[in-house]
């Protein structure tokens, strides 16, 4: 009886593990890939927030399959370039689309 119960629990756990591994989003991505992108986004946002020059700007960060897209507005080309450089220096980033606008004065 004890052996049957242990086998049943093991079978259920194996089934749950297989379900979790095979789960994908509608875009065909695994949960792990989505978490990786969320981690990259968080790291880039943290770098922008900690940066003494960029912390006051509203720069949005999105990540899909390691490709980071930056949007928002800054005052100078240097600030725009700096934001892109910070994103590029983040572990896991494969490409950066710097769509930040420079405000005209």
C-alpha atoms as a PDB file:
ATOM      1  CA  UNK A   1       0.000   0.000   0.000  1.00  0.00           C
ATOM      2  CA  UNK A   2       2.771   2.412   0.944  1.00  0.00           C
ATOM      3  CA  UNK A   3       4.644   1.597  -2.265  1.00  0.00           C
ATOM      4  CA  UNK A   4       1.539   2.321  -4.387  1.00  0.00           C
ATOM      5  CA  UNK A   5       0.998   5.667  -2.663  1.00  0.00           C
ATOM      6  CA  UNK A   6       4.646   6.651  -3.226  1.00  0.00           C
ATOM      7  CA  UNK A   7       4.380   5.666  -6.886  1.00  0.00           C
ATOM      8  CA  UNK A   8       1.183   7.692  -7.312  1.00  0.00           C
ATOM      9  CA  UNK A   9       2.751  10.792  -5.737  1.00  0.00           C
ATOM     10  CA  UNK A  10       5.846  10.405  -7.922  1.00  0.00           C
ATOM     11  CA  UNK A  11       3.672  10.074 -11.039  1.00  0.00           C
ATOM     12  CA  UNK A  12       1.704  13.217 -10.162  1.00  0.00           C
ATOM     13  CA  UNK A  13       4.893  15.187  -9.491  1.00  0.00           C
ATOM     14  CA  UNK A  14       6.407  13.987 -12.772  1.00  0.00           C
ATOM     15  CA  UNK A  15       3.258  15.010 -14.621  1.00  0.00           C
ATOM     16  CA  UNK A  16       3.319  18.482 -13.055  1.00  0.00           C
ATOM     17  CA  UNK A  17       6.990  18.886 -13.912  1.00  0.00           C
ATOM     18  CA  UNK A  18       6.300  17.955 -17.537  1.00  0.00           C
ATOM     19  CA  UNK A  19       3.443  20.441 -17.704  1.00  0.00           C
ATOM     20  CA  UNK A  20       5.598  23.241 -16.340  1.00  0.00           C
ATOM     21  CA  UNK A  21       8.445  22.495 -18.724  1.00  0.00           C
ATOM     22  CA  UNK A  22       6.159  22.394 -21.740  1.00  0.00           C
ATOM     23  CA  UNK A  23       4.226  25.567 -20.896  1.00  0.00           C
ATOM     24  CA  UNK A  24       4.604  28.266 -23.494  1.00  0.00           C
ATOM     25  CA  UNK A  25       3.102  31.668 -24.029  1.00  0.00           C
ATOM     26  CA  UNK A  26       0.919  32.362 -27.078  1.00  0.00           C
ATOM     27  CA  UNK A  27       4.079  33.723 -28.744  1.00  0.00           C
ATOM     28  CA  UNK A  28       5.698  30.301 -28.300  1.00  0.00           C
ATOM     29  CA  UNK A  29       8.034  31.381 -25.511  1.00  0.00           C
ATOM     30  CA  UNK A  30       8.671  29.443 -22.332  1.00  0.00           C
ATOM     31  CA  UNK A  31       8.072  30.871 -18.893  1.00  0.00           C
ATOM     32  CA  UNK A  32      11.836  30.980 -18.395  1.00  0.00           C
ATOM     33  CA  UNK A  33      12.310  33.165 -21.475  1.00  0.00           C
ATOM     34  CA  UNK A  34       9.650  35.580 -20.251  1.00  0.00           C
ATOM     35  CA  UNK A  35      11.316  35.739 -16.831  1.00  0.00           C
ATOM     36  CA  UNK A  36      14.713  36.353 -18.467  1.00  0.00           C
ATOM     37  CA  UNK A  37      13.301  39.319 -20.396  1.00  0.00           C
ATOM     38  CA  UNK A  38      11.665  40.694 -17.246  1.00  0.00           C
ATOM     39  CA  UNK A  39      15.001  40.401 -15.447  1.00  0.00           C
ATOM     40  CA  UNK A  40      16.800  42.281 -18.225  1.00  0.00           C
ATOM     41  CA  UNK A  41      14.143  45.022 -18.167  1.00  0.00           C
ATOM     42  CA  UNK A  42      14.501  45.391 -14.400  1.00  0.00           C
ATOM     43  CA  UNK A  43      18.298  45.577 -14.604  1.00  0.00           C
ATOM     44  CA  UNK A  44      18.233  48.219 -17.349  1.00  0.00           C
ATOM     45  CA  UNK A  45      15.646  50.298 -15.458  1.00  0.00           C
ATOM     46  CA  UNK A  46      17.779  50.094 -12.310  1.00  0.00           C
ATOM     47  CA  UNK A  47      20.854  51.319 -14.201  1.00  0.00           C
ATOM     48  CA  UNK A  48      18.917  54.245 -15.663  1.00  0.00           C
ATOM     49  CA  UNK A  49      17.459  55.145 -12.266  1.00  0.00           C
ATOM     50  CA  UNK A  50      20.855  54.989 -10.522  1.00  0.00           C
ATOM     51  CA  UNK A  51      22.588  57.071 -13.188  1.00  0.00           C
ATOM     52  CA  UNK A  52      23.186  60.608 -11.926  1.00  0.00           C
ATOM     53  CA  UNK A  53      22.405  62.152 -15.323  1.00  0.00           C
ATOM     54  CA  UNK A  54      19.421  60.044 -16.429  1.00  0.00           C
ATOM     55  CA  UNK A  55      17.545  59.366 -13.182  1.00  0.00           C
ATOM     56  CA  UNK A  56      15.140  62.272 -13.639  1.00  0.00           C
ATOM     57  CA  UNK A  57      13.939  61.257 -17.090  1.00  0.00           C
ATOM     58  CA  UNK A  58      10.916  59.072 -17.871  1.00  0.00           C
ATOM     59  CA  UNK A  59      12.534  56.413 -20.033  1.00  0.00           C
ATOM     60  CA  UNK A  60      10.492  53.293 -20.734  1.00  0.00           C
ATOM     61  CA  UNK A  61      12.199  49.937 -21.168  1.00  0.00           C
ATOM     62  CA  UNK A  62      10.718  46.855 -22.811  1.00  0.00           C
ATOM     63  CA  UNK A  63      12.472  43.602 -23.616  1.00  0.00           C
ATOM     64  CA  UNK A  64      11.553  40.786 -25.997  1.00  0.00           C
ATOM     65  CA  UNK A  65      13.918  37.868 -26.604  1.00  0.00           C
ATOM     66  CA  UNK A  66      16.851  39.867 -25.239  1.00  0.00           C
ATOM     67  CA  UNK A  67      16.139  42.848 -27.494  1.00  0.00           C
ATOM     68  CA  UNK A  68      15.687  46.010 -25.434  1.00  0.00           C
ATOM     69  CA  UNK A  69      13.660  48.984 -26.670  1.00  0.00           C
ATOM     70  CA  UNK A  70      14.076  52.374 -25.006  1.00  0.00           C
ATOM     71  CA  UNK A  71      11.459  55.113 -25.419  1.00  0.00           C
ATOM     72  CA  UNK A  72      10.974  58.501 -23.835  1.00  0.00           C
ATOM     73  CA  UNK A  73      12.552  61.930 -24.146  1.00  0.00           C
ATOM     74  CA  UNK A  74      15.799  63.519 -22.997  1.00  0.00           C
ATOM     75  CA  UNK A  75      17.406  66.928 -23.465  1.00  0.00           C
ATOM     76  CA  UNK A  76      20.585  66.031 -25.382  1.00  0.00           C
ATOM     77  CA  UNK A  77      22.071  63.500 -27.792  1.00  0.00           C
ATOM     78  CA  UNK A  78      24.642  62.667 -25.089  1.00  0.00           C
ATOM     79  CA  UNK A  79      21.843  61.622 -22.683  1.00  0.00           C
ATOM     80  CA  UNK A  80      20.256  59.504 -25.402  1.00  0.00           C
ATOM     81  CA  UNK A  81      23.588  57.822 -26.173  1.00  0.00           C
ATOM     82  CA  UNK A  82      24.270  57.267 -22.482  1.00  0.00           C
ATOM     83  CA  UNK A  83      20.920  55.482 -22.014  1.00  0.00           C
ATOM     84  CA  UNK A  84      21.695  53.203 -24.961  1.00  0.00           C
ATOM     85  CA  UNK A  85      25.179  52.463 -23.630  1.00  0.00           C
ATOM     86  CA  UNK A  86      23.809  51.562 -20.198  1.00  0.00           C
ATOM     87  CA  UNK A  87      21.290  49.194 -21.768  1.00  0.00           C
ATOM     88  CA  UNK A  88      23.947  47.584 -23.995  1.00  0.00           C
ATOM     89  CA  UNK A  89      26.197  46.972 -20.995  1.00  0.00           C
ATOM     90  CA  UNK A  90      23.516  44.912 -19.248  1.00  0.00           C
ATOM     91  CA  UNK A  91      24.023  41.146 -19.115  1.00  0.00           C
ATOM     92  CA  UNK A  92      21.663  39.291 -21.448  1.00  0.00           C
ATOM     93  CA  UNK A  93      20.989  42.204 -23.805  1.00  0.00           C
ATOM     94  CA  UNK A  94      21.406  41.106 -27.425  1.00  0.00           C
ATOM     95  CA  UNK A  95      20.325  44.319 -29.154  1.00  0.00           C
ATOM     96  CA  UNK A  96      19.168  47.815 -28.194  1.00  0.00           C
ATOM     97  CA  UNK A  97      16.586  49.855 -30.105  1.00  0.00           C
ATOM     98  CA  UNK A  98      17.130  53.380 -28.848  1.00  0.00           C
ATOM     99  CA  UNK A  99      13.937  55.229 -29.787  1.00  0.00           C
ATOM    100  CA  UNK A 100      14.456  57.995 -27.239  1.00  0.00           C
ATOM    101  CA  UNK A 101      13.612  61.440 -28.618  1.00  0.00           C
ATOM    102  CA  UNK A 102      15.790  64.488 -28.041  1.00  0.00           C
ATOM    103  CA  UNK A 103      13.681  67.500 -27.078  1.00  0.00           C
ATOM    104  CA  UNK A 104      14.131  70.566 -29.237  1.00  0.00           C
ATOM    105  CA  UNK A 105      14.890  73.735 -27.370  1.00  0.00           C
END
